[in-house]
PDB file of N, CA and C in Angstrom:
ATOM      1  N   MET A   1     -14.086  16.577  -3.908  1.00  0.00           N
ATOM      2  CA  MET A   1     -14.468  17.022  -5.665  1.00  0.00           C
ATOM      3  C   MET A   1     -14.512  18.013  -5.910  1.00  0.00           C
ATOM      4  N   ALA A   2     -13.670  19.009  -6.633  1.00  0.00           N
ATOM      5  CA  ALA A   2     -13.583  20.139  -6.436  1.00  0.00           C
ATOM      6  C   ALA A   2     -14.244  20.776  -8.229  1.00  0.00           C
ATOM      7  N   ASP A   3     -14.843  21.993  -8.213  1.00  0.00           N
ATOM      8  CA  ASP A   3     -15.032  22.470  -9.410  1.00  0.00           C
ATOM      9  C   ASP A   3     -13.893  22.853 -10.885  1.00  0.00           C
ATOM     10  N   GLN A   4     -12.498  22.227  -9.808  1.00  0.00           N
ATOM     11  CA  GLN A   4     -11.308  22.570 -11.016  1.00  0.00           C
ATOM     12  C   GLN A   4     -10.296  21.524  -9.915  1.00  0.00           C
ATOM     13  N   VAL A   5      -8.908  21.234 -10.916  1.00  0.00           N
ATOM     14  CA  VAL A   5      -8.232  20.578 -10.875  1.00  0.00           C
ATOM     15  C   VAL A   5      -7.325  21.397  -9.434  1.00  0.00           C
ATOM     16  N   GLY A   6      -6.595  20.550  -8.309  1.00  0.00           N
ATOM     17  CA  GLY A   6      -6.539  21.067  -7.121  1.00  0.00           C
ATOM     18  C   GLY A   6      -5.802  20.318  -6.083  1.00  0.00           C
ATOM     19  N   GLN A   7      -5.395  21.079  -5.210  1.00  0.00           N
ATOM     20  CA  GLN A   7      -4.307  20.808  -4.143  1.00  0.00           C
ATOM     21  C   GLN A   7      -4.985  21.196  -2.885  1.00  0.00           C
ATOM     22  N   VAL A   8      -5.013  19.664  -1.773  1.00  0.00           N
ATOM     23  CA  VAL A   8      -5.703  20.099  -0.866  1.00  0.00           C
ATOM     24  C   VAL A   8      -4.666  19.873   0.620  1.00  0.00           C
ATOM     25  N   ASN A   9      -4.879  19.684   1.577  1.00  0.00           N
ATOM     26  CA  ASN A   9      -4.219  19.438   2.697  1.00  0.00           C
ATOM     27  C   ASN A   9      -4.788  18.785   3.570  1.00  0.00           C
ATOM     28  N   VAL A  10      -5.074  17.658   3.775  1.00  0.00           N
ATOM     29  CA  VAL A  10      -5.523  17.080   5.144  1.00  0.00           C
ATOM     30  C   VAL A  10      -5.237  16.983   6.430  1.00  0.00           C
ATOM     31  N   TYR A  11      -5.296  16.749   7.726  1.00  0.00           N
ATOM     32  CA  TYR A  11      -4.665  17.034   8.325  1.00  0.00           C
ATOM     33  C   TYR A  11      -5.270  16.155   9.742  1.00  0.00           C
ATOM     34  N   ALA A  12      -4.733  15.691  10.502  1.00  0.00           N
ATOM     35  CA  ALA A  12      -5.648  15.216  11.956  1.00  0.00           C
ATOM     36  C   ALA A  12      -4.793  16.127  13.148  1.00  0.00           C
ATOM     37  N   GLN A  13      -5.121  16.103  14.121  1.00  0.00           N
ATOM     38  CA  GLN A  13      -4.494  17.096  14.948  1.00  0.00           C
ATOM     39  C   GLN A  13      -5.440  16.782  16.182  1.00  0.00           C
ATOM     40  N   ARG A  14      -4.587  17.304  17.375  1.00  0.00           N
ATOM     41  CA  ARG A  14      -5.548  17.398  19.413  1.00  0.00           C
ATOM     42  C   ARG A  14      -6.231  18.561  18.879  1.00  0.00           C
ATOM     43  N   GLU A  15      -7.959  18.468  19.302  1.00  0.00           N
ATOM     44  CA  GLU A  15      -8.605  19.188  19.215  1.00  0.00           C
ATOM     45  C   GLU A  15      -8.210  21.152  20.597  1.00  0.00           C
ATOM     46  N   ASN A  16      -7.646  19.612  21.542  1.00  0.00           N
ATOM     47  CA  ASN A  16      -7.677  21.014  22.709  1.00  0.00           C
ATOM     48  C   ASN A  16      -6.049  20.928  22.526  1.00  0.00           C
ATOM     49  N   ALA A  17      -5.467  22.253  23.512  1.00  0.00           N
ATOM     50  CA  ALA A  17      -4.386  22.673  23.824  1.00  0.00           C
ATOM     51  C   ALA A  17      -3.677  21.513  24.473  1.00  0.00           C
ATOM     52  N   PRO A  18      -2.224  20.644  24.002  1.00  0.00           N
ATOM     53  CA  PRO A  18      -1.730  21.954  22.978  1.00  0.00           C
ATOM     54  C   PRO A  18      -1.124  21.773  21.595  1.00  0.00           C
ATOM     55  N   TYR A  19      -2.651  21.244  21.163  1.00  0.00           N
ATOM     56  CA  TYR A  19      -3.102  20.772  19.773  1.00  0.00           C
ATOM     57  C   TYR A  19      -1.413  20.327  18.877  1.00  0.00           C
ATOM     58  N   THR A  20      -1.406  19.078  19.345  1.00  0.00           N
ATOM     59  CA  THR A  20      -0.039  18.281  18.558  1.00  0.00           C
ATOM     60  C   THR A  20      -1.227  17.630  17.558  1.00  0.00           C
ATOM     61  N   TRP A  21       0.138  17.608  16.657  1.00  0.00           N
ATOM     62  CA  TRP A  21      -0.225  17.359  14.809  1.00  0.00           C
ATOM     63  C   TRP A  21       0.076  15.946  15.115  1.00  0.00           C
ATOM     64  N   TYR A  22      -1.100  14.764  14.174  1.00  0.00           N
ATOM     65  CA  TYR A  22      -0.756  14.007  14.548  1.00  0.00           C
ATOM     66  C   TYR A  22      -0.583  13.353  13.225  1.00  0.00           C
ATOM     67  N   GLY A  23      -0.701  13.442  11.541  1.00  0.00           N
ATOM     68  CA  GLY A  23      -0.257  13.576  10.995  1.00  0.00           C
ATOM     69  C   GLY A  23      -1.324  14.337   9.854  1.00  0.00           C
ATOM     70  N   GLY A  24      -0.992  13.689   8.765  1.00  0.00           N
ATOM     71  CA  GLY A  24      -1.599  14.835   6.999  1.00  0.00           C
ATOM     72  C   GLY A  24      -1.288  14.321   5.977  1.00  0.00           C
ATOM     73  N   ARG A  25      -1.791  14.912   4.972  1.00  0.00           N
ATOM     74  CA  ARG A  25      -1.155  14.338   3.265  1.00  0.00           C
ATOM     75  C   ARG A  25      -2.187  15.357   2.869  1.00  0.00           C
ATOM     76  N   THR A  26      -1.290  15.689   1.431  1.00  0.00           N
ATOM     77  CA  THR A  26      -1.507  16.700   0.277  1.00  0.00           C
ATOM     78  C   THR A  26      -2.441  15.543  -0.294  1.00  0.00           C
ATOM     79  N   ILE A  27      -3.929  15.867  -0.867  1.00  0.00           N
ATOM     80  CA  ILE A  27      -4.205  15.236  -1.642  1.00  0.00           C
ATOM     81  C   ILE A  27      -4.885  15.981  -3.187  1.00  0.00           C
ATOM     82  N   ASN A  28      -4.860  15.621  -3.999  1.00  0.00           N
ATOM     83  CA  ASN A  28      -4.728  15.953  -5.383  1.00  0.00           C
ATOM     84  C   ASN A  28      -6.304  15.947  -5.847  1.00  0.00           C
ATOM     85  N   VAL A  29      -6.970  16.537  -6.235  1.00  0.00           N
ATOM     86  CA  VAL A  29      -8.560  16.609  -6.352  1.00  0.00           C
ATOM     87  C   VAL A  29      -8.953  17.185  -7.435  1.00  0.00           C
ATOM     88  N   ASP A  30      -9.585  16.467  -7.785  1.00  0.00           N
ATOM     89  CA  ASP A  30     -10.659  17.094  -9.510  1.00  0.00           C
ATOM     90  C   ASP A  30     -11.773  16.978  -9.306  1.00  0.00           C
ATOM     91  N   GLN A  31     -12.558  17.237 -10.536  1.00  0.00           N
ATOM     92  CA  GLN A  31     -14.076  16.887 -11.307  1.00  0.00           C
ATOM     93  C   GLN A  31     -15.053  15.945 -10.178  1.00  0.00           C
ATOM     94  N   ASN A  32     -14.157  14.513 -10.377  1.00  0.00           N
ATOM     95  CA  ASN A  32     -15.056  13.255  -9.581  1.00  0.00           C
ATOM     96  C   ASN A  32     -14.909  12.947  -7.973  1.00  0.00           C
ATOM     97  N   TRP A  33     -15.695  12.646  -7.762  1.00  0.00           N
ATOM     98  CA  TRP A  33     -16.220  12.419  -6.237  1.00  0.00           C
ATOM     99  C   TRP A  33     -14.298  10.830  -5.820  1.00  0.00           C
ATOM    100  N   ASN A  34     -14.080  10.986  -5.505  1.00  0.00           N
ATOM    101  CA  ASN A  34     -12.688   9.452  -4.687  1.00  0.00           C
ATOM    102  C   ASN A  34     -12.904   9.629  -3.435  1.00  0.00           C
ATOM    103  N   THR A  35     -12.314   8.674  -3.053  1.00  0.00           N
ATOM    104  CA  THR A  35     -12.064   8.085  -1.608  1.00  0.00           C
ATOM    105  C   THR A  35     -10.371   8.364  -1.498  1.00  0.00           C
ATOM    106  N   TYR A  36     -10.343   9.030  -0.208  1.00  0.00           N
ATOM    107  CA  TYR A  36      -8.780   9.038   0.367  1.00  0.00           C
ATOM    108  C   TYR A  36      -8.600   9.086   1.485  1.00  0.00           C
ATOM    109  N   SER A  37      -7.490   8.533   1.994  1.00  0.00           N
ATOM    110  CA  SER A  37      -7.178   8.036   3.183  1.00  0.00           C
ATOM    111  C   SER A  37      -5.822   8.171   3.890  1.00  0.00           C
ATOM    112  N   PHE A  38      -5.687   8.488   4.870  1.00  0.00           N
ATOM    113  CA  PHE A  38      -4.221   9.026   5.849  1.00  0.00           C
ATOM    114  C   PHE A  38      -4.646   7.638   7.322  1.00  0.00           C
ATOM    115  N   VAL A  39      -3.125   7.505   7.164  1.00  0.00           N
ATOM    116  CA  VAL A  39      -2.912   6.825   8.965  1.00  0.00           C
ATOM    117  C   VAL A  39      -1.830   7.677   9.262  1.00  0.00           C
ATOM    118  N   PHE A  40      -2.715   7.999  10.420  1.00  0.00           N
ATOM    119  CA  PHE A  40      -1.822   8.754  11.856  1.00  0.00           C
ATOM    120  C   PHE A  40      -1.693   7.776  13.359  1.00  0.00           C
ATOM    121  N   THR A  41      -1.245   7.629  14.136  1.00  0.00           N
ATOM    122  CA  THR A  41      -0.590   7.574  15.115  1.00  0.00           C
ATOM    123  C   THR A  41      -0.949   8.683  16.069  1.00  0.00           C
ATOM    124  N   ALA A  42      -1.747   8.327  17.256  1.00  0.00           N
ATOM    125  CA  ALA A  42      -1.812  10.019  18.409  1.00  0.00           C
ATOM    126  C   ALA A  42      -1.104   9.042  19.217  1.00  0.00           C
ATOM    127  N   PRO A  43      -0.542   9.995  19.760  1.00  0.00           N
ATOM    128  CA  PRO A  43       0.528   9.528  20.211  1.00  0.00           C
ATOM    129  C   PRO A  43      -0.055  10.369  22.299  1.00  0.00           C
ATOM    130  N   GLU A  44      -0.379  10.010  21.950  1.00  0.00           N
ATOM    131  CA  GLU A  44      -0.896  10.462  23.484  1.00  0.00           C
ATOM    132  C   GLU A  44      -2.481   9.987  23.559  1.00  0.00           C
ATOM    133  N   GLU A  45      -3.209   9.277  24.505  1.00  0.00           N
ATOM    134  CA  GLU A  45      -4.217   9.866  24.985  1.00  0.00           C
ATOM    135  C   GLU A  45      -4.986  10.640  24.730  1.00  0.00           C
ATOM    136  N   ASN A  46      -6.550  11.120  23.821  1.00  0.00           N
ATOM    137  CA  ASN A  46      -7.561  11.859  24.421  1.00  0.00           C
ATOM    138  C   ASN A  46      -8.188  12.064  23.593  1.00  0.00           C
ATOM    139  N   ASN A  47      -8.994  10.531  24.348  1.00  0.00           N
ATOM    140  CA  ASN A  47     -10.203  10.068  23.699  1.00  0.00           C
ATOM    141  C   ASN A  47     -11.510  11.525  22.763  1.00  0.00           C
ATOM    142  N   GLY A  48     -11.710  11.221  21.838  1.00  0.00           N
ATOM    143  CA  GLY A  48     -12.804  11.906  21.191  1.00  0.00           C
ATOM    144  C   GLY A  48     -12.720  13.456  21.120  1.00  0.00           C
ATOM    145  N   LEU A  49     -11.382  13.779  21.192  1.00  0.00           N
ATOM    146  CA  LEU A  49     -11.009  15.026  20.956  1.00  0.00           C
ATOM    147  C   LEU A  49      -9.842  15.129  19.507  1.00  0.00           C
ATOM    148  N   VAL A  50      -9.875  15.514  18.541  1.00  0.00           N
ATOM    149  CA  VAL A  50      -9.275  14.911  17.468  1.00  0.00           C
ATOM    150  C   VAL A  50      -9.959  15.842  16.508  1.00  0.00           C
ATOM    151  N   ARG A  51      -9.412  16.607  15.640  1.00  0.00           N
ATOM    152  CA  ARG A  51      -9.673  18.106  14.787  1.00  0.00           C
ATOM    153  C   ARG A  51      -9.189  17.062  13.851  1.00  0.00           C
ATOM    154  N   LEU A  52     -10.623  17.082  12.600  1.00  0.00           N
ATOM    155  CA  LEU A  52      -9.706  16.876  11.635  1.00  0.00           C
ATOM    156  C   LEU A  52      -9.852  17.763  10.298  1.00  0.00           C
ATOM    157  N   GLY A  53      -8.429  19.063   9.494  1.00  0.00           N
ATOM    158  CA  GLY A  53      -8.759  19.800   9.709  1.00  0.00           C
ATOM    159  C   GLY A  53      -8.354  20.204   7.940  1.00  0.00           C
ATOM    160  N   PHE A  54      -8.582  21.010   7.513  1.00  0.00           N
ATOM    161  CA  PHE A  54      -8.643  20.911   5.700  1.00  0.00           C
ATOM    162  C   PHE A  54      -7.981  22.541   5.525  1.00  0.00           C
ATOM    163  N   SER A  55      -6.474  22.326   4.628  1.00  0.00           N
ATOM    164  CA  SER A  55      -5.517  23.732   4.105  1.00  0.00           C
ATOM    165  C   SER A  55      -5.898  23.866   2.902  1.00  0.00           C
ATOM    166  N   PHE A  56      -6.972  25.256   2.503  1.00  0.00           N
ATOM    167  CA  PHE A  56      -6.113  25.139   0.645  1.00  0.00           C
ATOM    168  C   PHE A  56      -5.758  26.190   0.206  1.00  0.00           C
ATOM    169  N   ILE A  57      -4.363  26.424   0.652  1.00  0.00           N
ATOM    170  CA  ILE A  57      -3.276  27.775   0.445  1.00  0.00           C
ATOM    171  C   ILE A  57      -3.344  27.760  -0.810  1.00  0.00           C
ATOM    172  N   ASP A  58      -3.286  28.654  -1.902  1.00  0.00           N
ATOM    173  CA  ASP A  58      -3.620  29.248  -2.505  1.00  0.00           C
ATOM    174  C   ASP A  58      -4.744  29.028  -3.547  1.00  0.00           C
ATOM    175  N   GLN A  59      -5.582  28.184  -3.102  1.00  0.00           N
ATOM    176  CA  GLN A  59      -6.279  27.509  -4.112  1.00  0.00           C
ATOM    177  C   GLN A  59      -7.835  28.305  -4.111  1.00  0.00           C
ATOM    178  N   GLU A  60      -8.315  28.468  -5.576  1.00  0.00           N
ATOM    179  CA  GLU A  60      -9.726  29.068  -5.458  1.00  0.00           C
ATOM    180  C   GLU A  60     -11.053  28.130  -6.016  1.00  0.00           C
ATOM    181  N   GLY A  61     -11.978  28.604  -6.061  1.00  0.00           N
ATOM    182  CA  GLY A  61     -12.981  27.293  -6.022  1.00  0.00           C
ATOM    183  C   GLY A  61     -13.867  27.197  -5.262  1.00  0.00           C
ATOM    184  N   SER A  62     -14.428  25.886  -5.830  1.00  0.00           N
ATOM    185  CA  SER A  62     -15.426  25.053  -4.578  1.00  0.00           C
ATOM    186  C   SER A  62     -15.107  24.468  -4.613  1.00  0.00           C
ATOM    187  N   PHE A  63     -14.749  23.485  -3.082  1.00  0.00           N
ATOM    188  CA  PHE A  63     -14.338  22.213  -3.074  1.00  0.00           C
ATOM    189  C   PHE A  63     -15.621  21.144  -1.931  1.00  0.00           C
ATOM    190  N   TYR A  64     -15.683  20.212  -2.269  1.00  0.00           N
ATOM    191  CA  TYR A  64     -17.267  19.426  -1.436  1.00  0.00           C
ATOM    192  C   TYR A  64     -16.411  17.744  -1.102  1.00  0.00           C
ATOM    193  N   PHE A  65     -16.726  17.810   0.035  1.00  0.00           N
ATOM    194  CA  PHE A  65     -16.104  16.636   0.865  1.00  0.00           C
ATOM    195  C   PHE A  65     -17.536  15.959   1.748  1.00  0.00           C
ATOM    196  N   ASP A  66     -17.334  14.850   1.276  1.00  0.00           N
ATOM    197  CA  ASP A  66     -18.618  13.716   2.273  1.00  0.00           C
ATOM    198  C   ASP A  66     -17.982  12.614   3.684  1.00  0.00           C
ATOM    199  N   GLY A  67     -18.548  12.339   4.151  1.00  0.00           N
ATOM    200  CA  GLY A  67     -18.411  11.441   4.540  1.00  0.00           C
ATOM    201  C   GLY A  67     -17.216  10.935   4.957  1.00  0.00           C
ATOM    202  N   TYR A  68     -17.060  11.662   5.951  1.00  0.00           N
ATOM    203  CA  TYR A  68     -15.468  11.522   7.185  1.00  0.00           C
ATOM    204  C   TYR A  68     -15.911  10.238   7.980  1.00  0.00           C
ATOM    205  N   GLU A  69     -14.970   9.744   8.005  1.00  0.00           N
ATOM    206  CA  GLU A  69     -14.853   8.821   9.288  1.00  0.00           C
ATOM    207  C   GLU A  69     -13.120   8.707  10.015  1.00  0.00           C
ATOM    208  N   PHE A  70     -12.734   8.223  11.226  1.00  0.00           N
ATOM    209  CA  PHE A  70     -12.136   8.131  12.077  1.00  0.00           C
ATOM    210  C   PHE A  70     -12.501   6.330  12.500  1.00  0.00           C
ATOM    211  N   VAL A  71     -11.716   5.680  11.741  1.00  0.00           N
ATOM    212  CA  VAL A  71     -11.391   4.396  12.357  1.00  0.00           C
ATOM    213  C   VAL A  71     -10.226   4.018  13.438  1.00  0.00           C
ATOM    214  N   GLU A  72     -10.398   3.420  14.239  1.00  0.00           N
ATOM    215  CA  GLU A  72      -9.795   2.607  15.328  1.00  0.00           C
ATOM    216  C   GLU A  72      -8.882   1.468  15.135  1.00  0.00           C
ATOM    217  N   ASP A  73      -7.629   0.951  15.064  1.00  0.00           N
ATOM    218  CA  ASP A  73      -6.757   0.011  14.246  1.00  0.00           C
ATOM    219  C   ASP A  73      -6.581  -1.161  15.749  1.00  0.00           C
ATOM    220  N   GLY A  74      -7.166  -0.213  17.056  1.00  0.00           N
ATOM    221  CA  GLY A  74      -6.449  -1.230  18.097  1.00  0.00           C
ATOM    222  C   GLY A  74      -5.371  -0.632  18.673  1.00  0.00           C
ATOM    223  N   SER A  75      -4.904   0.354  18.334  1.00  0.00           N
ATOM    224  CA  SER A  75      -3.327   1.044  18.909  1.00  0.00           C
ATOM    225  C   SER A  75      -4.005   1.498  20.134  1.00  0.00           C
ATOM    226  N   THR A  76      -2.936   2.235  21.411  1.00  0.00           N
ATOM    227  CA  THR A  76      -3.012   3.153  22.049  1.00  0.00           C
ATOM    228  C   THR A  76      -3.194   4.369  21.028  1.00  0.00           C
ATOM    229  N   GLY A  77      -4.042   4.942  21.592  1.00  0.00           N
ATOM    230  CA  GLY A  77      -4.326   6.540  21.131  1.00  0.00           C
ATOM    231  C   GLY A  77      -5.227   7.036  21.025  1.00  0.00           C
ATOM    232  N   VAL A  78      -5.722   8.398  19.815  1.00  0.00           N
ATOM    233  CA  VAL A  78      -7.064   8.757  20.124  1.00  0.00           C
ATOM    234  C   VAL A  78      -8.204   7.638  19.645  1.00  0.00           C
ATOM    235  N   GLU A  79      -9.467   7.744  20.157  1.00  0.00           N
ATOM    236  CA  GLU A  79     -10.813   6.946  20.267  1.00  0.00           C
ATOM    237  C   GLU A  79     -11.529   7.687  18.646  1.00  0.00           C
ATOM    238  N   GLY A  80     -11.530   7.489  17.412  1.00  0.00           N
ATOM    239  CA  GLY A  80     -12.451   7.826  16.553  1.00  0.00           C
ATOM    240  C   GLY A  80     -14.020   8.400  16.790  1.00  0.00           C
ATOM    241  N   ARG A  81     -14.909   9.171  16.813  1.00  0.00           N
ATOM    242  CA  ARG A  81     -15.718   8.938  16.553  1.00  0.00           C
ATOM    243  C   ARG A  81     -17.143   9.095  15.960  1.00  0.00           C
TER     244      ARG A  81
END
């Protein structure tokens, strides 16, 4: 949710060196609460060390986020906590 319409880049990456990029997407935000998701596969074992990041390039205003969740799908890779 935001106080105005805008775009936010959301990504997942390894929390420690070498900070491997796992995946991400751009979401369009507005003044309503919405649910967003994206799927990524970690190409390595690094249990519990995942960074969920947000990029607000050239965006002004207030952005609100709630209820982050990592869900393991049974594949080899990062285990969400």
